[in-house]
Amino acid sequence: MRFIFAGFGGQGVMLMGQILAYAGMIEGKNVTWMPSYGPEMRGGTANCTVVVEDKEVASPVVDKSEVVVAMNIPSMLKFQNFVEKDGYLFLNESVIDREPDRKDDIHVLKIPCNDIADKLGNLKVANMVMLGAVIGATNVVSKESLFKALEKKLTGKKAKLIDLNIKAIEEGIAISKQQ
């Protein structure tokens, strides 16, 4: 399955991709992760592609994707046409206040990531809400593998945030099941 995660720098787009790739590796799948940054780090555009497959992955380059995650309006506008027919377009409804141009031949899931993260007490976990929604809708990896990947990635001082991130993922999974 091919994924594109996109948003502003600082929204945790790269972390979403890395954790998904780690979870795929934990399950013994073949994975690639390829980052792409705009000219600025925070506030600039950022996106990454992730491929998670049972078979060998020929290339990390993704021009068509089963899943596109847009954390902001510019990302939605840029990547909505990369979604394959019957694929998924995940939108951060807390930030994206308009409809995508394309919605007739794809599944559009609107996830209020920032609102849920705020309810949990930390806006920085909005990305994990979205990642949970992606996993809940696609089942590309298990949530248990995702949690293990999170523990592998969040070490040192960040380890204290693991429980909060797990709660955010669980919220995302739950909301994806309601759509």
N, C-alpha and C. Protein backbone atom coordinates (compact mmCIF):
# COMPACT_ATOMS: atom_id res chain seq x y z
N MET A 1 0.85 -1.17 0.00
CA MET A 1 0.00 0.00 0.00
C MET A 1 0.90 1.23 0.00
N ARG A 2 0.55 2.22 -0.82
CA ARG A 2 1.35 3.45 -0.95
C ARG A 2 0.65 4.61 -0.24
N PHE A 3 1.45 5.40 0.46
CA PHE A 3 0.95 6.52 1.26
C PHE A 3 1.71 7.79 0.94
N ILE A 4 1.00 8.91 1.00
CA ILE A 4 1.62 10.23 0.98
C ILE A 4 1.10 10.97 2.21
N PHE A 5 2.01 11.43 3.05
CA PHE A 5 1.68 12.25 4.21
C PHE A 5 2.18 13.66 3.92
N ALA A 6 1.32 14.67 4.05
CA ALA A 6 1.73 16.02 3.70
C ALA A 6 1.13 17.05 4.65
N GLY A 7 1.91 18.13 4.89
CA GLY A 7 1.45 19.22 5.75
C GLY A 7 2.54 20.25 5.90
N PHE A 8 2.36 21.15 6.83
CA PHE A 8 3.38 22.15 7.15
C PHE A 8 4.46 21.48 7.99
N GLY A 9 5.68 21.98 7.88
CA GLY A 9 6.74 21.54 8.78
C GLY A 9 6.31 21.82 10.22
N GLY A 10 6.56 20.89 11.11
CA GLY A 10 6.15 21.06 12.50
C GLY A 10 4.85 20.35 12.84
N GLN A 11 4.14 19.82 11.82
CA GLN A 11 2.89 19.10 12.09
C GLN A 11 3.12 17.61 12.33
N GLY A 12 4.36 17.17 12.29
CA GLY A 12 4.65 15.77 12.56
C GLY A 12 4.42 14.83 11.39
N VAL A 13 4.46 15.37 10.19
CA VAL A 13 4.22 14.58 8.98
C VAL A 13 5.29 13.49 8.82
N MET A 14 6.54 13.86 9.01
CA MET A 14 7.63 12.89 8.85
C MET A 14 7.53 11.79 9.91
N LEU A 15 7.17 12.17 11.13
CA LEU A 15 7.04 11.19 12.20
C LEU A 15 5.94 10.18 11.89
N MET A 16 4.82 10.63 11.32
CA MET A 16 3.75 9.70 10.94
C MET A 16 4.29 8.65 9.99
N GLY A 17 5.02 9.11 8.97
CA GLY A 17 5.57 8.20 7.99
C GLY A 17 6.58 7.24 8.58
N GLN A 18 7.45 7.76 9.44
CA GLN A 18 8.48 6.91 10.05
C GLN A 18 7.85 5.83 10.92
N ILE A 19 6.87 6.20 11.71
CA ILE A 19 6.24 5.22 12.61
C ILE A 19 5.49 4.16 11.81
N LEU A 20 4.82 4.57 10.74
CA LEU A 20 4.15 3.59 9.89
C LEU A 20 5.18 2.64 9.27
N ALA A 21 6.29 3.18 8.78
CA ALA A 21 7.34 2.34 8.19
C ALA A 21 7.92 1.37 9.23
N TYR A 22 8.20 1.86 10.44
CA TYR A 22 8.69 0.98 11.51
C TYR A 22 7.68 -0.13 11.82
N ALA A 23 6.41 0.23 11.89
CA ALA A 23 5.38 -0.77 12.19
C ALA A 23 5.35 -1.83 11.11
N GLY A 24 5.49 -1.42 9.86
CA GLY A 24 5.55 -2.39 8.77
C GLY A 24 6.74 -3.33 8.91
N MET A 25 7.89 -2.77 9.28
CA MET A 25 9.09 -3.59 9.48
C MET A 25 8.90 -4.58 10.62
N ILE A 26 8.26 -4.13 11.70
CA ILE A 26 7.99 -5.00 12.84
C ILE A 26 7.16 -6.21 12.40
N GLU A 27 6.26 -5.99 11.44
CA GLU A 27 5.42 -7.07 10.94
C GLU A 27 6.09 -7.88 9.83
N GLY A 28 7.35 -7.57 9.54
CA GLY A 28 8.07 -8.33 8.52
C GLY A 28 7.74 -7.94 7.10
N LYS A 29 7.13 -6.79 6.91
CA LYS A 29 6.78 -6.33 5.56
C LYS A 29 7.95 -5.56 4.95
N ASN A 30 7.91 -5.39 3.67
CA ASN A 30 8.89 -4.58 2.96
C ASN A 30 8.39 -3.14 2.97
N VAL A 31 9.26 -2.20 3.34
CA VAL A 31 8.83 -0.81 3.46
C VAL A 31 9.87 0.13 2.87
N THR A 32 9.39 1.30 2.46
CA THR A 32 10.27 2.42 2.15
C THR A 32 9.66 3.66 2.78
N TRP A 33 10.52 4.61 3.10
CA TRP A 33 10.10 5.93 3.61
C TRP A 33 10.99 6.94 2.93
N MET A 34 10.38 7.94 2.29
CA MET A 34 11.18 8.95 1.60
C MET A 34 10.64 10.34 1.94
N PRO A 35 11.45 11.16 2.62
CA PRO A 35 11.01 12.51 3.00
C PRO A 35 11.23 13.53 1.89
N SER A 36 10.46 14.61 1.95
CA SER A 36 10.64 15.75 1.04
C SER A 36 10.30 17.01 1.83
N TYR A 37 11.25 17.93 1.88
CA TYR A 37 11.06 19.15 2.66
C TYR A 37 10.99 20.35 1.74
N GLY A 38 10.23 21.37 2.17
CA GLY A 38 10.25 22.67 1.50
C GLY A 38 11.49 23.42 1.93
N PRO A 39 11.64 24.68 1.50
CA PRO A 39 12.85 25.43 1.83
C PRO A 39 12.99 25.75 3.31
N GLU A 40 11.89 25.82 4.06
CA GLU A 40 11.97 26.07 5.50
C GLU A 40 11.63 24.77 6.21
N MET A 41 12.08 24.64 7.44
CA MET A 41 11.71 23.45 8.19
C MET A 41 10.34 23.66 8.85
N ARG A 42 10.25 24.48 9.88
CA ARG A 42 8.95 24.75 10.51
C ARG A 42 8.18 25.77 9.69
N GLY A 43 6.94 25.43 9.40
CA GLY A 43 6.09 26.34 8.66
C GLY A 43 6.16 26.15 7.16
N GLY A 44 7.24 25.56 6.65
CA GLY A 44 7.33 25.25 5.22
C GLY A 44 6.57 23.97 4.93
N THR A 45 6.47 23.61 3.68
CA THR A 45 5.76 22.39 3.33
C THR A 45 6.67 21.19 3.55
N ALA A 46 6.07 20.10 3.91
CA ALA A 46 6.81 18.86 4.12
C ALA A 46 5.90 17.71 3.70
N ASN A 47 6.48 16.70 3.10
CA ASN A 47 5.72 15.50 2.81
C ASN A 47 6.66 14.32 2.78
N CYS A 48 6.10 13.16 2.92
CA CYS A 48 6.89 11.94 2.79
C CYS A 48 6.01 10.88 2.16
N THR A 49 6.68 9.95 1.52
CA THR A 49 5.98 8.80 0.97
C THR A 49 6.40 7.57 1.76
N VAL A 50 5.45 6.67 1.92
CA VAL A 50 5.70 5.40 2.59
C VAL A 50 5.06 4.32 1.73
N VAL A 51 5.80 3.24 1.54
CA VAL A 51 5.26 2.08 0.85
C VAL A 51 5.39 0.91 1.82
N VAL A 52 4.29 0.20 2.03
CA VAL A 52 4.26 -0.98 2.91
C VAL A 52 3.67 -2.12 2.09
N GLU A 53 4.49 -3.13 1.82
CA GLU A 53 4.07 -4.24 0.95
C GLU A 53 4.54 -5.58 1.50
N ASP A 54 3.84 -6.63 1.11
CA ASP A 54 4.31 -7.98 1.40
C ASP A 54 5.40 -8.38 0.41
N LYS A 55 5.28 -7.88 -0.82
CA LYS A 55 6.28 -8.19 -1.84
C LYS A 55 7.38 -7.13 -1.83
N GLU A 56 8.43 -7.34 -2.61
CA GLU A 56 9.52 -6.37 -2.67
C GLU A 56 9.02 -5.04 -3.22
N VAL A 57 9.58 -3.96 -2.71
CA VAL A 57 9.21 -2.62 -3.17
C VAL A 57 10.25 -2.20 -4.20
N ALA A 58 9.78 -1.91 -5.40
CA ALA A 58 10.70 -1.57 -6.49
C ALA A 58 11.26 -0.16 -6.36
N SER A 59 10.43 0.76 -5.85
CA SER A 59 10.87 2.16 -5.77
C SER A 59 10.13 2.89 -4.65
N PRO A 60 10.82 3.80 -3.97
CA PRO A 60 10.13 4.60 -2.94
C PRO A 60 9.34 5.76 -3.55
N VAL A 61 9.49 5.99 -4.85
CA VAL A 61 8.79 7.10 -5.51
C VAL A 61 7.33 6.73 -5.68
N VAL A 62 6.45 7.63 -5.26
CA VAL A 62 5.01 7.40 -5.33
C VAL A 62 4.39 8.51 -6.17
N ASP A 63 3.82 8.13 -7.33
CA ASP A 63 3.13 9.13 -8.12
C ASP A 63 1.61 8.95 -8.05
N LYS A 64 1.18 7.75 -7.75
CA LYS A 64 -0.22 7.46 -7.45
C LYS A 64 -0.24 6.70 -6.14
N SER A 65 -1.24 6.96 -5.32
CA SER A 65 -1.24 6.43 -3.96
C SER A 65 -2.62 5.93 -3.57
N GLU A 66 -2.66 4.87 -2.79
CA GLU A 66 -3.94 4.42 -2.24
C GLU A 66 -4.41 5.34 -1.13
N VAL A 67 -3.45 6.02 -0.46
CA VAL A 67 -3.78 6.88 0.68
C VAL A 67 -3.00 8.18 0.60
N VAL A 68 -3.72 9.31 0.71
CA VAL A 68 -3.10 10.62 0.87
C VAL A 68 -3.63 11.22 2.15
N VAL A 69 -2.71 11.71 2.97
CA VAL A 69 -3.05 12.40 4.21
C VAL A 69 -2.67 13.87 4.04
N ALA A 70 -3.65 14.75 4.16
CA ALA A 70 -3.40 16.20 4.04
C ALA A 70 -3.70 16.85 5.38
N MET A 71 -2.66 17.42 5.97
CA MET A 71 -2.82 18.07 7.27
C MET A 71 -3.15 19.56 7.13
N ASN A 72 -3.11 20.09 5.89
CA ASN A 72 -3.44 21.51 5.67
C ASN A 72 -3.98 21.68 4.25
N ILE A 73 -4.51 22.89 3.97
CA ILE A 73 -5.14 23.16 2.67
C ILE A 73 -4.16 23.03 1.50
N PRO A 74 -2.95 23.63 1.57
CA PRO A 74 -2.05 23.48 0.43
C PRO A 74 -1.73 22.02 0.10
N SER A 75 -1.63 21.18 1.12
CA SER A 75 -1.35 19.77 0.89
C SER A 75 -2.54 19.07 0.23
N MET A 76 -3.75 19.42 0.64
CA MET A 76 -4.93 18.85 0.00
C MET A 76 -4.96 19.23 -1.47
N LEU A 77 -4.74 20.51 -1.75
CA LEU A 77 -4.80 20.98 -3.13
C LEU A 77 -3.72 20.32 -3.99
N LYS A 78 -2.54 20.16 -3.43
CA LYS A 78 -1.42 19.59 -4.19
C LYS A 78 -1.57 18.09 -4.43
N PHE A 79 -2.06 17.35 -3.44
CA PHE A 79 -1.98 15.89 -3.52
C PHE A 79 -3.31 15.17 -3.74
N GLN A 80 -4.44 15.86 -3.75
CA GLN A 80 -5.71 15.15 -3.87
C GLN A 80 -5.81 14.34 -5.17
N ASN A 81 -5.17 14.79 -6.22
CA ASN A 81 -5.24 14.06 -7.48
C ASN A 81 -4.24 12.90 -7.57
N PHE A 82 -3.44 12.71 -6.52
CA PHE A 82 -2.53 11.57 -6.46
C PHE A 82 -3.25 10.31 -5.96
N VAL A 83 -4.46 10.47 -5.41
CA VAL A 83 -5.21 9.34 -4.86
C VAL A 83 -5.77 8.49 -6.00
N GLU A 84 -5.50 7.20 -5.94
CA GLU A 84 -6.05 6.28 -6.93
C GLU A 84 -7.56 6.16 -6.74
N LYS A 85 -8.25 5.76 -7.79
CA LYS A 85 -9.68 5.50 -7.72
C LYS A 85 -9.96 4.52 -6.58
N ASP A 86 -10.97 4.81 -5.80
CA ASP A 86 -11.37 4.04 -4.61
C ASP A 86 -10.36 4.12 -3.47
N GLY A 87 -9.38 5.03 -3.57
CA GLY A 87 -8.41 5.24 -2.51
C GLY A 87 -8.97 6.18 -1.45
N TYR A 88 -8.10 6.55 -0.51
CA TYR A 88 -8.50 7.36 0.63
C TYR A 88 -7.79 8.71 0.64
N LEU A 89 -8.56 9.76 0.90
CA LEU A 89 -8.02 11.09 1.15
C LEU A 89 -8.42 11.45 2.58
N PHE A 90 -7.43 11.53 3.46
CA PHE A 90 -7.66 11.90 4.86
C PHE A 90 -7.38 13.39 5.00
N LEU A 91 -8.33 14.12 5.56
CA LEU A 91 -8.19 15.56 5.74
C LEU A 91 -8.24 15.93 7.22
N ASN A 92 -7.32 16.81 7.63
CA ASN A 92 -7.34 17.34 8.98
C ASN A 92 -8.44 18.41 9.01
N GLU A 93 -9.61 18.00 9.41
CA GLU A 93 -10.79 18.87 9.39
C GLU A 93 -10.64 20.09 10.30
N SER A 94 -9.77 20.01 11.28
CA SER A 94 -9.55 21.15 12.17
C SER A 94 -8.88 22.32 11.45
N VAL A 95 -8.17 22.04 10.37
CA VAL A 95 -7.42 23.06 9.64
C VAL A 95 -7.99 23.29 8.25
N ILE A 96 -8.49 22.24 7.62
CA ILE A 96 -9.01 22.32 6.25
C ILE A 96 -10.50 22.62 6.31
N ASP A 97 -10.85 23.83 5.91
CA ASP A 97 -12.24 24.29 6.03
C ASP A 97 -12.96 24.33 4.68
N ARG A 98 -12.48 23.55 3.73
CA ARG A 98 -13.12 23.50 2.42
C ARG A 98 -13.16 22.06 1.91
N GLU A 99 -13.99 21.87 0.91
CA GLU A 99 -14.13 20.54 0.32
C GLU A 99 -13.04 20.31 -0.73
N PRO A 100 -12.60 19.08 -0.88
CA PRO A 100 -11.66 18.79 -1.96
C PRO A 100 -12.39 18.88 -3.31
N ASP A 101 -11.65 19.17 -4.36
CA ASP A 101 -12.25 19.19 -5.69
C ASP A 101 -12.70 17.80 -6.09
N ARG A 102 -12.00 16.82 -5.58
CA ARG A 102 -12.24 15.44 -5.97
C ARG A 102 -12.84 14.67 -4.80
N LYS A 103 -14.00 14.07 -5.01
CA LYS A 103 -14.58 13.26 -3.95
C LYS A 103 -15.53 12.18 -4.45
N ASP A 104 -15.81 12.16 -5.75
CA ASP A 104 -16.79 11.20 -6.27
C ASP A 104 -16.23 9.78 -6.41
N ASP A 105 -14.93 9.66 -6.71
CA ASP A 105 -14.38 8.33 -6.95
C ASP A 105 -13.39 7.88 -5.89
N ILE A 106 -13.34 8.63 -4.75
CA ILE A 106 -12.44 8.29 -3.65
C ILE A 106 -13.20 8.39 -2.33
N HIS A 107 -12.61 7.84 -1.29
CA HIS A 107 -13.18 7.95 0.06
C HIS A 107 -12.51 9.14 0.74
N VAL A 108 -13.31 10.10 1.17
CA VAL A 108 -12.79 11.27 1.88
C VAL A 108 -13.16 11.12 3.34
N LEU A 109 -12.14 11.09 4.20
CA LEU A 109 -12.38 11.02 5.64
C LEU A 109 -11.89 12.30 6.28
N LYS A 110 -12.79 12.97 6.97
CA LYS A 110 -12.45 14.23 7.64
C LYS A 110 -12.25 13.94 9.12
N ILE A 111 -11.04 14.18 9.58
CA ILE A 111 -10.66 13.86 10.95
C ILE A 111 -10.32 15.17 11.69
N PRO A 112 -11.03 15.51 12.76
CA PRO A 112 -10.73 16.74 13.50
C PRO A 112 -9.50 16.57 14.41
N CYS A 113 -8.35 16.40 13.80
CA CYS A 113 -7.11 16.05 14.52
C CYS A 113 -6.76 17.04 15.62
N ASN A 114 -6.73 18.32 15.30
CA ASN A 114 -6.33 19.33 16.29
C ASN A 114 -7.34 19.40 17.43
N ASP A 115 -8.62 19.28 17.11
CA ASP A 115 -9.66 19.34 18.14
C ASP A 115 -9.51 18.18 19.13
N ILE A 116 -9.27 16.99 18.60
CA ILE A 116 -9.09 15.82 19.46
C ILE A 116 -7.81 15.95 20.28
N ALA A 117 -6.73 16.40 19.63
CA ALA A 117 -5.46 16.58 20.34
C ALA A 117 -5.60 17.60 21.46
N ASP A 118 -6.34 18.67 21.19
CA ASP A 118 -6.58 19.70 22.20
C ASP A 118 -7.35 19.12 23.38
N LYS A 119 -8.33 18.30 23.08
CA LYS A 119 -9.11 17.62 24.14
C LYS A 119 -8.21 16.72 24.98
N LEU A 120 -7.21 16.12 24.34
CA LEU A 120 -6.26 15.26 25.06
C LEU A 120 -5.22 16.06 25.84
N GLY A 121 -5.14 17.37 25.56
CA GLY A 121 -4.25 18.24 26.33
C GLY A 121 -2.93 18.60 25.68
N ASN A 122 -2.72 18.20 24.41
CA ASN A 122 -1.46 18.53 23.75
C ASN A 122 -1.66 18.53 22.23
N LEU A 123 -1.62 19.71 21.63
CA LEU A 123 -1.84 19.82 20.18
C LEU A 123 -0.81 19.06 19.35
N LYS A 124 0.34 18.77 19.94
CA LYS A 124 1.39 18.07 19.18
C LYS A 124 1.03 16.64 18.83
N VAL A 125 -0.02 16.08 19.42
CA VAL A 125 -0.40 14.71 19.08
C VAL A 125 -1.47 14.64 17.98
N ALA A 126 -1.74 15.77 17.33
CA ALA A 126 -2.70 15.78 16.22
C ALA A 126 -2.27 14.79 15.13
N ASN A 127 -0.96 14.69 14.91
CA ASN A 127 -0.47 13.75 13.89
C ASN A 127 -0.77 12.30 14.26
N MET A 128 -0.73 11.98 15.55
CA MET A 128 -1.01 10.60 15.96
C MET A 128 -2.50 10.29 15.88
N VAL A 129 -3.34 11.31 16.08
CA VAL A 129 -4.78 11.12 15.85
C VAL A 129 -4.98 10.72 14.39
N MET A 130 -4.34 11.46 13.49
CA MET A 130 -4.48 11.16 12.06
C MET A 130 -3.92 9.79 11.72
N LEU A 131 -2.75 9.45 12.27
CA LEU A 131 -2.17 8.14 11.99
C LEU A 131 -3.09 7.02 12.47
N GLY A 132 -3.70 7.21 13.62
CA GLY A 132 -4.67 6.23 14.11
C GLY A 132 -5.84 6.08 13.15
N ALA A 133 -6.33 7.20 12.61
CA ALA A 133 -7.44 7.14 11.66
C ALA A 133 -7.04 6.38 10.40
N VAL A 134 -5.82 6.61 9.94
CA VAL A 134 -5.33 5.92 8.74
C VAL A 134 -5.28 4.42 8.98
N ILE A 135 -4.74 4.02 10.12
CA ILE A 135 -4.63 2.60 10.45
C ILE A 135 -6.02 2.00 10.65
N GLY A 136 -6.90 2.74 11.29
CA GLY A 136 -8.26 2.25 11.52
C GLY A 136 -9.02 1.99 10.23
N ALA A 137 -8.79 2.82 9.23
CA ALA A 137 -9.51 2.69 7.95
C ALA A 137 -8.86 1.69 7.01
N THR A 138 -7.53 1.59 7.03
CA THR A 138 -6.84 0.76 6.04
C THR A 138 -6.39 -0.60 6.57
N ASN A 139 -6.18 -0.70 7.88
CA ASN A 139 -5.67 -1.94 8.49
C ASN A 139 -4.35 -2.40 7.87
N VAL A 140 -3.53 -1.46 7.40
CA VAL A 140 -2.27 -1.83 6.75
C VAL A 140 -1.30 -2.47 7.74
N VAL A 141 -1.34 -2.04 9.00
CA VAL A 141 -0.58 -2.67 10.08
C VAL A 141 -1.49 -2.72 11.30
N SER A 142 -1.13 -3.53 12.27
CA SER A 142 -1.93 -3.61 13.49
C SER A 142 -1.59 -2.43 14.41
N LYS A 143 -2.52 -2.11 15.29
CA LYS A 143 -2.24 -1.03 16.24
C LYS A 143 -1.14 -1.45 17.22
N GLU A 144 -1.03 -2.74 17.49
CA GLU A 144 0.03 -3.21 18.38
C GLU A 144 1.41 -2.95 17.78
N SER A 145 1.54 -3.18 16.48
CA SER A 145 2.81 -2.89 15.80
C SER A 145 3.09 -1.39 15.80
N LEU A 146 2.03 -0.62 15.63
CA LEU A 146 2.16 0.84 15.65
C LEU A 146 2.65 1.30 17.03
N PHE A 147 2.12 0.73 18.09
CA PHE A 147 2.54 1.09 19.44
C PHE A 147 4.01 0.72 19.67
N LYS A 148 4.41 -0.46 19.19
CA LYS A 148 5.81 -0.88 19.32
C LYS A 148 6.73 0.09 18.56
N ALA A 149 6.30 0.50 17.38
CA ALA A 149 7.09 1.44 16.57
C ALA A 149 7.20 2.78 17.29
N LEU A 150 6.13 3.20 17.92
CA LEU A 150 6.12 4.45 18.67
C LEU A 150 7.14 4.39 19.81
N GLU A 151 7.17 3.27 20.50
CA GLU A 151 8.14 3.10 21.60
C GLU A 151 9.58 3.10 21.07
N LYS A 152 9.78 2.58 19.87
CA LYS A 152 11.11 2.56 19.27
C LYS A 152 11.55 3.98 18.88
N LYS A 153 10.60 4.78 18.43
CA LYS A 153 10.92 6.12 17.93
C LYS A 153 11.00 7.16 19.05
N LEU A 154 10.12 7.07 20.03
CA LEU A 154 10.09 8.06 21.12
C LEU A 154 10.92 7.54 22.29
N THR A 155 12.16 7.98 22.34
CA THR A 155 13.07 7.54 23.40
C THR A 155 13.57 8.76 24.18
N GLY A 156 14.31 8.51 25.23
CA GLY A 156 14.86 9.60 26.04
C GLY A 156 13.75 10.42 26.68
N LYS A 157 13.86 11.74 26.57
CA LYS A 157 12.86 12.64 27.17
C LYS A 157 11.49 12.47 26.53
N LYS A 158 11.46 12.05 25.26
CA LYS A 158 10.18 11.90 24.55
C LYS A 158 9.41 10.66 24.99
N ALA A 159 10.06 9.74 25.68
CA ALA A 159 9.41 8.50 26.12
C ALA A 159 8.21 8.77 27.02
N LYS A 160 8.26 9.88 27.76
CA LYS A 160 7.13 10.20 28.65
C LYS A 160 5.86 10.55 27.87
N LEU A 161 5.99 10.77 26.56
CA LEU A 161 4.83 11.11 25.72
C LEU A 161 4.19 9.89 25.07
N ILE A 162 4.75 8.72 25.30
CA ILE A 162 4.23 7.52 24.63
C ILE A 162 2.76 7.26 24.99
N ASP A 163 2.41 7.31 26.26
CA ASP A 163 1.02 7.04 26.66
C ASP A 163 0.05 8.02 26.02
N LEU A 164 0.41 9.30 25.97
CA LEU A 164 -0.45 10.31 25.34
C LEU A 164 -0.59 10.03 23.85
N ASN A 165 0.50 9.65 23.19
CA ASN A 165 0.44 9.33 21.77
C ASN A 165 -0.41 8.09 21.51
N ILE A 166 -0.35 7.12 22.39
CA ILE A 166 -1.18 5.92 22.25
C ILE A 166 -2.66 6.31 22.37
N LYS A 167 -2.98 7.17 23.33
CA LYS A 167 -4.37 7.64 23.46
C LYS A 167 -4.82 8.35 22.19
N ALA A 168 -3.94 9.16 21.62
CA ALA A 168 -4.28 9.88 20.38
C ALA A 168 -4.53 8.91 19.23
N ILE A 169 -3.69 7.89 19.11
CA ILE A 169 -3.88 6.87 18.07
C ILE A 169 -5.21 6.16 18.26
N GLU A 170 -5.52 5.78 19.51
CA GLU A 170 -6.79 5.10 19.80
C GLU A 170 -7.99 5.98 19.41
N GLU A 171 -7.90 7.28 19.71
CA GLU A 171 -8.97 8.21 19.33
C GLU A 171 -9.13 8.25 17.81
N GLY A 172 -8.00 8.29 17.10
CA GLY A 172 -8.04 8.30 15.64
C GLY A 172 -8.67 7.05 15.06
N ILE A 173 -8.29 5.90 15.63
CA ILE A 173 -8.88 4.64 15.18
C ILE A 173 -10.38 4.67 15.38
N ALA A 174 -10.82 5.11 16.56
CA ALA A 174 -12.26 5.14 16.88
C ALA A 174 -13.02 6.05 15.92
N ILE A 175 -12.47 7.23 15.62
CA ILE A 175 -13.21 8.14 14.75
C ILE A 175 -13.24 7.64 13.30
N SER A 176 -12.21 6.92 12.89
CA SER A 176 -12.22 6.39 11.52
C SER A 176 -13.31 5.32 11.36
N LYS A 177 -13.62 4.61 12.42
CA LYS A 177 -14.65 3.57 12.37
C LYS A 177 -16.06 4.18 12.30
N GLN A 178 -16.18 5.47 12.69
CA GLN A 178 -17.48 6.14 12.67
C GLN A 178 -17.79 6.74 11.30
N GLN A 179 -16.80 6.78 10.40
CA GLN A 179 -17.03 7.45 9.11
C GLN A 179 -17.33 6.49 7.99
